[in-house]
Protein backbone atom coordinates (compact mmCIF):
# COMPACT_ATOMS: atom_id res chain seq x y z
CA UNK A 1 108.19 39.92 180.16
CA UNK A 2 105.65 39.39 182.46
CA UNK A 3 103.86 42.26 183.13
CA UNK A 4 102.42 42.98 187.06
CA UNK A 5 98.78 43.55 186.67
CA UNK A 6 98.25 44.74 190.11
CA UNK A 7 100.90 47.46 189.60
CA UNK A 8 99.01 48.95 186.48
CA UNK A 9 95.94 48.67 187.92
CA UNK A 10 97.53 50.91 191.01
CA UNK A 11 98.65 53.24 188.62
CA UNK A 12 95.81 53.71 186.43
CA UNK A 13 93.86 54.25 189.60
CA UNK A 14 96.45 57.20 191.05
CA UNK A 15 97.69 59.09 187.76
CA UNK A 16 95.04 61.31 185.95
CA UNK A 17 97.54 60.88 182.38
CA UNK A 18 98.88 58.27 180.73
CA UNK A 19 102.73 59.64 180.80
CA UNK A 20 102.29 59.66 184.25
CA UNK A 21 101.12 55.76 184.46
CA UNK A 22 104.20 54.59 181.91
CA UNK A 23 106.58 56.75 183.98
CA UNK A 24 105.48 54.73 187.02
CA UNK A 25 105.15 51.62 185.59
CA UNK A 26 108.45 51.69 183.43
CA UNK A 27 105.54 49.95 180.86
CA UNK A 28 105.38 50.97 177.01
CA UNK A 29 101.86 52.52 176.02
CA UNK A 30 102.01 48.94 173.78
CA UNK A 31 102.36 47.25 176.55
CA UNK A 32 99.67 48.38 178.58
CA UNK A 33 97.44 48.37 175.77
CA UNK A 34 97.88 44.50 175.60
CA UNK A 35 97.44 44.23 178.96
CA UNK A 36 94.15 45.84 178.47
CA UNK A 37 92.89 43.88 175.51
CA UNK A 38 93.51 40.57 178.17
CA UNK A 39 91.99 42.28 181.18
CA UNK A 40 88.29 43.82 181.36
CA UNK A 41 89.15 46.13 184.52
CA UNK A 42 92.81 47.13 182.96
CA UNK A 43 90.73 47.86 179.46
CA UNK A 44 87.97 50.10 181.73
CA UNK A 45 90.98 52.12 183.61
CA UNK A 46 92.58 52.96 180.32
CA UNK A 47 89.48 54.26 178.74
CA UNK A 48 88.45 56.59 181.30
CA UNK A 49 92.10 57.61 181.38
CA UNK A 50 92.49 58.07 177.68
CA UNK A 51 88.89 59.66 176.96
CA UNK A 52 89.03 63.56 176.55
CA UNK A 53 86.19 65.58 176.94
CA UNK A 54 84.63 67.73 173.76
CA UNK A 55 84.59 71.54 174.95
CA UNK A 56 81.80 73.20 172.40
CA UNK A 57 82.98 76.26 171.17
CA UNK A 58 80.58 78.64 170.72
CA UNK A 59 79.91 80.39 167.41
CA UNK A 60 80.76 84.01 167.59
CA UNK A 61 77.95 86.59 166.44
CA UNK A 62 77.75 88.45 163.02
CA UNK A 63 78.87 91.80 164.91
CA UNK A 64 81.78 89.61 166.87
CA UNK A 65 83.35 88.91 163.03
CA UNK A 66 82.79 92.18 162.02
CA UNK A 67 84.24 93.98 165.05
CA UNK A 68 87.49 91.52 165.13
CA UNK A 69 87.69 91.79 161.23
CA UNK A 70 88.04 95.69 161.75
CA UNK A 71 90.38 95.59 164.52
CA UNK A 72 92.70 93.41 162.07
CA UNK A 73 92.25 95.87 159.36
CA UNK A 74 93.71 98.50 161.65
CA UNK A 75 96.20 96.07 162.89
CA UNK A 76 97.33 95.57 159.08
CA UNK A 77 97.09 99.38 158.42
CA UNK A 78 99.36 100.27 161.18
CA UNK A 79 102.15 97.70 159.91
CA UNK A 80 102.19 98.57 156.46
CA UNK A 81 102.64 102.41 157.67
CA UNK A 82 105.24 101.54 159.95
CA UNK A 83 106.74 99.30 156.73
CA UNK A 84 106.64 102.55 154.53
CA UNK A 85 108.41 104.70 156.58
CA UNK A 86 111.48 102.52 156.61
CA UNK A 87 111.46 101.88 152.51
CA UNK A 88 113.71 104.20 150.80
CA UNK A 89 112.94 107.18 148.85
CA UNK A 90 112.89 106.95 145.09
CA UNK A 91 114.48 110.06 143.06
CA UNK A 92 113.76 111.40 139.67
CA UNK A 93 115.12 110.38 136.78
CA UNK A 94 117.41 112.83 134.89
CA UNK A 95 116.74 113.50 131.16
CA UNK A 96 120.22 112.65 129.50
CA UNK A 97 119.24 114.31 126.16
CA UNK A 98 121.65 116.75 125.44
CA UNK A 99 120.05 120.03 124.02
CA UNK A 100 120.88 120.30 120.58
CA UNK A 101 121.99 117.21 120.14
CA UNK A 102 120.25 114.94 117.54
CA UNK A 103 121.41 111.72 115.82
CA UNK A 104 118.21 110.99 114.37
CA UNK A 105 116.24 112.13 110.92
CA UNK A 106 113.00 110.59 109.55
CA UNK A 107 111.89 109.54 106.30
CA UNK A 108 108.32 109.70 104.94
CA UNK A 109 107.88 107.75 102.10
CA UNK A 110 104.53 109.63 100.24
CA UNK A 111 103.39 108.01 97.22
CA UNK A 112 100.14 106.97 95.03
CA UNK A 113 98.21 110.16 96.27
CA UNK A 114 95.86 109.16 92.60
CA UNK A 115 94.47 113.26 92.99
CA UNK A 116 91.58 113.38 90.62
CA UNK A 117 90.49 109.73 91.16
CA UNK A 118 86.56 108.56 92.72
CA UNK A 119 85.91 106.00 94.30
CA UNK A 120 82.18 105.61 93.99
CA UNK A 121 81.52 103.19 97.33
CA UNK A 122 78.10 102.30 95.54
CA UNK A 123 80.23 100.88 92.72
CA UNK A 124 82.42 98.59 94.58
CA UNK A 125 79.74 97.56 97.58
CA UNK A 126 80.47 100.27 100.31
CA UNK A 127 84.02 99.07 100.66
CA UNK A 128 85.92 102.54 100.28
CA UNK A 129 85.48 105.54 98.77
CA UNK A 130 87.62 108.43 97.38
CA UNK A 131 87.49 111.68 95.55
CA UNK A 132 89.86 115.08 95.73
CA UNK A 133 88.37 116.47 98.58
CA UNK A 134 89.08 113.24 100.43
CA UNK A 135 92.48 113.15 99.18
CA UNK A 136 92.96 116.80 100.89
CA UNK A 137 91.13 115.61 103.88
CA UNK A 138 94.26 112.44 104.17
CA UNK A 139 97.08 114.46 103.11
CA UNK A 140 95.76 117.33 105.90
CA UNK A 141 95.37 114.58 108.37
CA UNK A 142 98.91 113.11 107.53
CA UNK A 143 100.71 116.87 107.98
CA UNK A 144 98.74 116.97 111.34
CA UNK A 145 100.22 113.25 112.80
CA UNK A 146 103.49 114.09 111.86
CA UNK A 147 103.29 117.25 114.05
CA UNK A 148 101.76 115.22 116.93
CA UNK A 149 104.57 113.27 116.64
CA UNK A 150 107.20 115.41 116.81
CA UNK A 151 105.74 117.00 120.10
CA UNK A 152 105.50 113.77 121.80
CA UNK A 153 109.05 112.34 120.32
CA UNK A 154 111.38 111.74 122.85
CA UNK A 155 114.33 113.28 120.49
CA UNK A 156 112.44 115.02 117.58
CA UNK A 157 114.68 115.30 114.66
CA UNK A 158 115.70 118.82 112.63
CA UNK A 159 115.31 116.80 109.31
CA UNK A 160 112.64 115.26 107.31
CA UNK A 161 113.14 113.60 104.31
CA UNK A 162 110.22 113.23 101.97
CA UNK A 163 110.72 110.47 99.12
CA UNK A 164 107.80 111.14 96.80
CA UNK A 165 107.50 107.47 95.14
CA UNK A 166 105.33 108.38 92.22
CA UNK A 167 101.60 108.78 90.87
CA UNK A 168 100.90 112.27 92.26
CA UNK A 169 98.14 112.20 89.69
CA UNK A 170 95.46 109.54 88.69
CA UNK A 171 95.65 111.10 84.81
CA UNK A 172 93.23 110.49 82.39
CA UNK A 173 95.18 109.01 79.12
CA UNK A 174 96.26 105.69 80.26
CA UNK A 175 92.51 103.73 79.79
CA UNK A 176 89.52 104.74 78.47
CA UNK A 177 87.64 103.64 81.38
CA UNK A 178 89.83 106.77 83.20
CA UNK A 179 87.31 109.04 82.22
CA UNK A 180 84.65 107.23 84.38
CA UNK A 181 86.74 107.23 87.35
CA UNK A 182 88.18 110.85 87.40
CA UNK A 183 86.64 114.01 89.15
CA UNK A 184 87.75 116.09 86.33
CA UNK A 185 90.67 116.61 83.63
CA UNK A 186 94.48 116.19 83.37
CA UNK A 187 95.03 119.86 83.77
CA UNK A 188 93.12 120.24 86.70
CA UNK A 189 94.44 117.64 88.05
CA UNK A 190 98.22 118.62 88.29
CA UNK A 191 96.83 122.32 89.54
CA UNK A 192 95.44 120.56 92.43
CA UNK A 193 97.85 118.52 93.07
CA UNK A 194 100.57 121.47 93.15
CA UNK A 195 98.90 123.34 95.47
CA UNK A 196 98.11 120.51 97.71
CA UNK A 197 101.84 118.88 98.31
CA UNK A 198 102.95 122.59 98.11
CA UNK A 199 100.30 123.24 101.51
CA UNK A 200 101.80 119.87 102.74
CA UNK A 201 105.21 120.56 103.47
CA UNK A 202 104.83 124.47 104.46
CA UNK A 203 102.61 123.02 106.89
CA UNK A 204 105.38 121.08 108.43
CA UNK A 205 108.18 124.15 108.96
CA UNK A 206 107.40 124.49 111.86
CA UNK A 207 107.83 121.05 113.45
CA UNK A 208 111.24 120.82 111.43
CA UNK A 209 114.70 122.45 110.63
CA UNK A 210 115.37 121.04 107.10
CA UNK A 211 112.59 119.13 104.81
CA UNK A 212 114.68 117.55 102.01
CA UNK A 213 112.43 115.80 99.30
CA UNK A 214 113.40 113.68 96.25
CA UNK A 215 110.69 112.96 93.73
CA UNK A 216 110.82 110.23 90.85
CA UNK A 217 107.55 109.57 88.02
CA UNK A 218 105.12 106.78 88.27
CA UNK A 219 103.23 104.82 85.92
CA UNK A 220 100.08 106.61 85.73
CA UNK A 221 101.89 110.23 84.99
CA UNK A 222 103.52 108.95 82.35
CA UNK A 223 102.69 111.25 78.94
CA UNK A 224 102.00 108.24 76.80
CA UNK A 225 99.79 105.23 77.25
CA UNK A 226 102.45 103.29 76.58
CA UNK A 227 105.41 102.31 79.04
CA UNK A 228 107.53 101.47 75.32
CA UNK A 229 106.95 104.98 74.43
CA UNK A 230 108.01 107.51 77.10
CA UNK A 231 110.88 108.71 78.67
CA UNK A 232 111.52 109.17 82.40
CA UNK A 233 111.67 112.83 82.37
CA UNK A 234 108.39 113.45 80.20
CA UNK A 235 106.34 112.58 83.28
CA UNK A 236 103.68 114.70 85.16
CA UNK A 237 105.00 113.55 88.45
CA UNK A 238 108.46 115.64 87.57
CA UNK A 239 106.22 118.78 86.08
CA UNK A 240 104.92 118.87 89.68
CA UNK A 241 107.85 118.13 91.52
CA UNK A 242 108.74 121.63 89.32
CA UNK A 243 105.97 123.84 89.88
CA UNK A 244 106.01 122.71 93.73
CA UNK A 245 109.23 123.90 93.84
CA UNK A 246 108.83 126.94 92.27
CA UNK A 247 105.99 127.70 94.56
CA UNK A 248 107.83 127.27 97.51
CA UNK A 249 111.37 128.89 96.32
CA UNK A 250 111.57 131.19 98.81
CA UNK A 251 111.31 129.14 101.95
CA UNK A 252 114.82 128.24 102.79
CA UNK A 253 114.27 125.12 104.77
CA UNK A 254 112.39 123.21 101.89
CA UNK A 255 114.64 121.81 99.35
CA UNK A 256 113.01 119.97 96.59
CA UNK A 257 115.55 117.36 93.81
CA UNK A 258 114.45 115.07 91.03
CA UNK A 259 116.62 113.30 88.27
CA UNK A 260 115.69 112.53 84.80
CA UNK A 261 115.59 108.85 85.40
CA UNK A 262 113.42 106.17 86.74
CA UNK A 263 115.26 105.97 90.17
CA UNK A 264 117.07 108.24 92.60
CA UNK A 265 119.66 106.66 95.16
CA UNK A 266 119.69 108.58 98.24
CA UNK A 267 122.24 109.25 101.34
CA UNK A 268 120.34 109.04 104.67
CA UNK A 269 123.14 109.23 107.54
CA UNK A 270 125.40 107.63 105.53
CA UNK A 271 123.14 104.50 104.18
CA UNK A 272 121.89 104.63 100.76
CA UNK A 273 118.74 104.24 99.78
CA UNK A 274 117.35 103.25 95.96
CA UNK A 275 113.86 104.56 95.55
CA UNK A 276 111.35 103.97 92.57
CA UNK A 277 107.78 103.72 91.72
CA UNK A 278 107.88 99.78 91.63
CA UNK A 279 105.86 99.36 88.20
CA UNK A 280 108.81 97.89 86.65
CA UNK A 281 108.25 94.64 89.23
CA UNK A 282 105.92 91.90 89.11
CA UNK A 283 104.01 90.95 91.58
CA UNK A 284 102.13 87.96 92.76
CA UNK A 285 98.98 87.88 94.79
CA UNK A 286 99.36 91.67 94.84
CA UNK A 287 102.94 91.54 96.36
CA UNK A 288 106.01 91.78 94.21
CA UNK A 289 108.26 89.33 97.14
CA UNK A 290 110.47 87.74 94.70
CA UNK A 291 110.33 90.37 91.94
CA UNK A 292 111.51 93.00 94.34
CA UNK A 293 114.54 90.59 95.81
CA UNK A 294 115.50 90.25 92.48
CA UNK A 295 115.64 93.66 91.63
CA UNK A 296 117.35 94.70 94.77
CA UNK A 297 119.50 91.97 93.81
CA UNK A 298 120.38 93.06 90.15
CA UNK A 299 120.82 96.78 91.74
CA UNK A 300 123.72 95.52 93.93
CA UNK A 301 125.25 93.74 91.11
CA UNK A 302 125.37 96.90 89.28
CA UNK A 303 126.66 99.01 92.46
CA UNK A 304 129.38 96.55 92.39
CA UNK A 305 131.12 97.62 89.53
CA UNK A 306 131.40 100.84 90.76
CA UNK A 307 132.30 99.55 94.42
CA UNK A 308 129.11 101.25 95.71
CA UNK A 309 125.94 99.48 96.98
CA UNK A 310 122.60 100.09 98.92
CA UNK A 311 121.19 99.78 101.88
CA UNK A 312 117.43 99.74 101.73
CA UNK A 313 114.96 100.54 98.62
CA UNK A 314 111.68 101.56 98.82
CA UNK A 315 108.87 101.74 96.49
CA UNK A 316 105.26 102.77 95.97
CA UNK A 317 102.68 101.51 93.08
CA UNK A 318 101.41 98.30 95.08
CA UNK A 319 98.87 100.17 97.63
CA UNK A 320 99.97 98.01 99.84
CA UNK A 321 102.41 98.70 102.96
CA UNK A 322 105.36 95.67 103.63
CA UNK A 323 108.81 95.30 104.64
CA UNK A 324 110.97 92.31 103.49
CA UNK A 325 115.04 91.94 103.20
CA UNK A 326 115.16 96.06 103.61
CA UNK A 327 112.47 96.95 101.28
CA UNK A 328 109.82 98.67 102.33
CA UNK A 329 106.68 98.99 100.40
CA UNK A 330 104.32 101.83 100.71
CA UNK A 331 100.76 102.00 101.11
CA UNK A 332 98.42 104.43 99.12
CA UNK A 333 96.51 107.52 99.87
CA UNK A 334 93.41 105.69 97.98
CA UNK A 335 92.54 102.47 99.82
CA UNK A 336 90.46 100.52 97.91
CA UNK A 337 89.50 101.43 94.15
CA UNK A 338 87.38 99.85 91.31
CA UNK A 339 90.65 97.77 89.78
CA UNK A 340 91.56 96.57 93.18
CA UNK A 341 88.57 95.20 94.65
CA UNK A 342 86.43 94.45 91.57
CA UNK A 343 89.45 92.39 89.47
CA UNK A 344 92.06 91.41 92.71
CA UNK A 345 89.78 90.99 95.51
CA UNK A 346 92.03 93.11 97.62
CA UNK A 347 92.45 96.40 99.46
CA UNK A 348 94.20 98.00 101.92
CA UNK A 349 93.90 100.77 104.30
CA UNK A 350 94.98 104.31 103.34
CA UNK A 351 98.15 104.66 104.91
CA UNK A 352 101.75 105.95 104.03
CA UNK A 353 105.23 105.11 106.12
CA UNK A 354 107.10 107.54 108.67
CA UNK A 355 110.61 105.30 109.15
CA UNK A 356 113.72 106.66 111.69
CA UNK A 357 117.11 106.60 110.51
CA UNK A 358 120.59 106.94 112.76
CA UNK A 359 124.04 106.70 111.75
CA UNK A 360 125.40 103.79 113.82
CA UNK A 361 121.94 101.74 113.12
CA UNK A 362 120.16 102.82 110.00
CA UNK A 363 116.61 102.34 110.20
CA UNK A 364 115.57 102.07 114.10
CA UNK A 365 111.48 102.21 114.04
CA UNK A 366 108.94 102.16 110.88
CA UNK A 367 105.07 103.36 111.90
CA UNK A 368 102.61 103.48 109.26
CA UNK A 369 100.24 106.19 109.78
CA UNK A 370 96.77 105.30 108.74
CA UNK A 371 94.86 108.12 106.99
CA UNK A 372 91.26 106.75 107.82
CA UNK A 373 90.45 105.94 111.82
CA UNK A 374 88.87 102.34 111.15
CA UNK A 375 85.84 102.94 113.10
CA UNK A 376 84.99 105.69 110.79
CA UNK A 377 85.30 103.36 107.78
CA UNK A 378 82.42 102.43 105.56
CA UNK A 379 80.90 99.11 106.37
CA UNK A 380 80.22 96.57 102.84
CA UNK A 381 77.02 97.05 101.95
CA UNK A 382 74.81 93.50 102.70
CA UNK A 383 71.56 92.60 101.09
CA UNK A 384 68.87 90.21 102.93
CA UNK A 385 64.92 89.81 103.75
CA UNK A 386 64.47 89.99 99.74
CA UNK A 387 65.15 94.11 100.10
């Protein structure tokens, strides 16, 4: 198609925009640019027509920017207020708890008080400390913590079950070295422990309507040095339970039971618990994982004969809080001592375990209660600078 140069030149001189030139000449933008490449006059007019003048914008001052920012902020606040007016109002949640109805009971695993034992920090590198005064402090701290828990718990129970799992005292007859690691003799240990445990139980009567206690003996409380020479009922822990029972006999809220065997089967909310001290199990690296599972399996086989069974097992002895396969291991009041730190190179923070149980679900929660705040724990002794 031949482009008429004169028509294009006339249109470029007449119109002020390229769009008007295209409409007047009926030529495309490409055709016009091709003609401009061949003809100098067309090229000059096209450049003049398409050239845009740059308009320099004046930079706003700081005051103008601040004023604009303030205006925008007020505008945003106004919009948000209008938006908030249209939001639906929220209503307060109504508590669905029915007064007087509670389907939960608590279990406190209580073990390894070792009242009378002395752990001197200097003898184990300042890792831990324990003595009768510490035992009393930690026991009262445990009581206050449980009382606080009942106050902020959404549905506090009426019944507390205390599983006394043994080793209430440290004794002095198991080995000769015990004389060097105890504050006083066997009689004072028993008398002091009876008083402490009685006060502990009485302190909880303001928080629970029923306190059901179940106790079994530990290995430290045997009346003989050898396990083979002892019988389950000949145990100082059993004596302590009986004396505490006599001391609180006038308080109907507190009930105490103990067997003449090394174990008890207890039904809590239709769930059976097997409790024992735990010294019949062999541990590995301080934890009787295989031994406890093997023992629980044996217990189930025994009970199958009578068409019974156990749902949970609770033990002490190992001074370590742990849970596996519905087996609950409890901590101790001591923490670390000469044996655990010096020979096993192990220790745990002093703690006892609180458990919540319902009839429908069994155990619904567990809470280890630490008896020493981490910030108040001793720090290991570190030597240096030749001093």
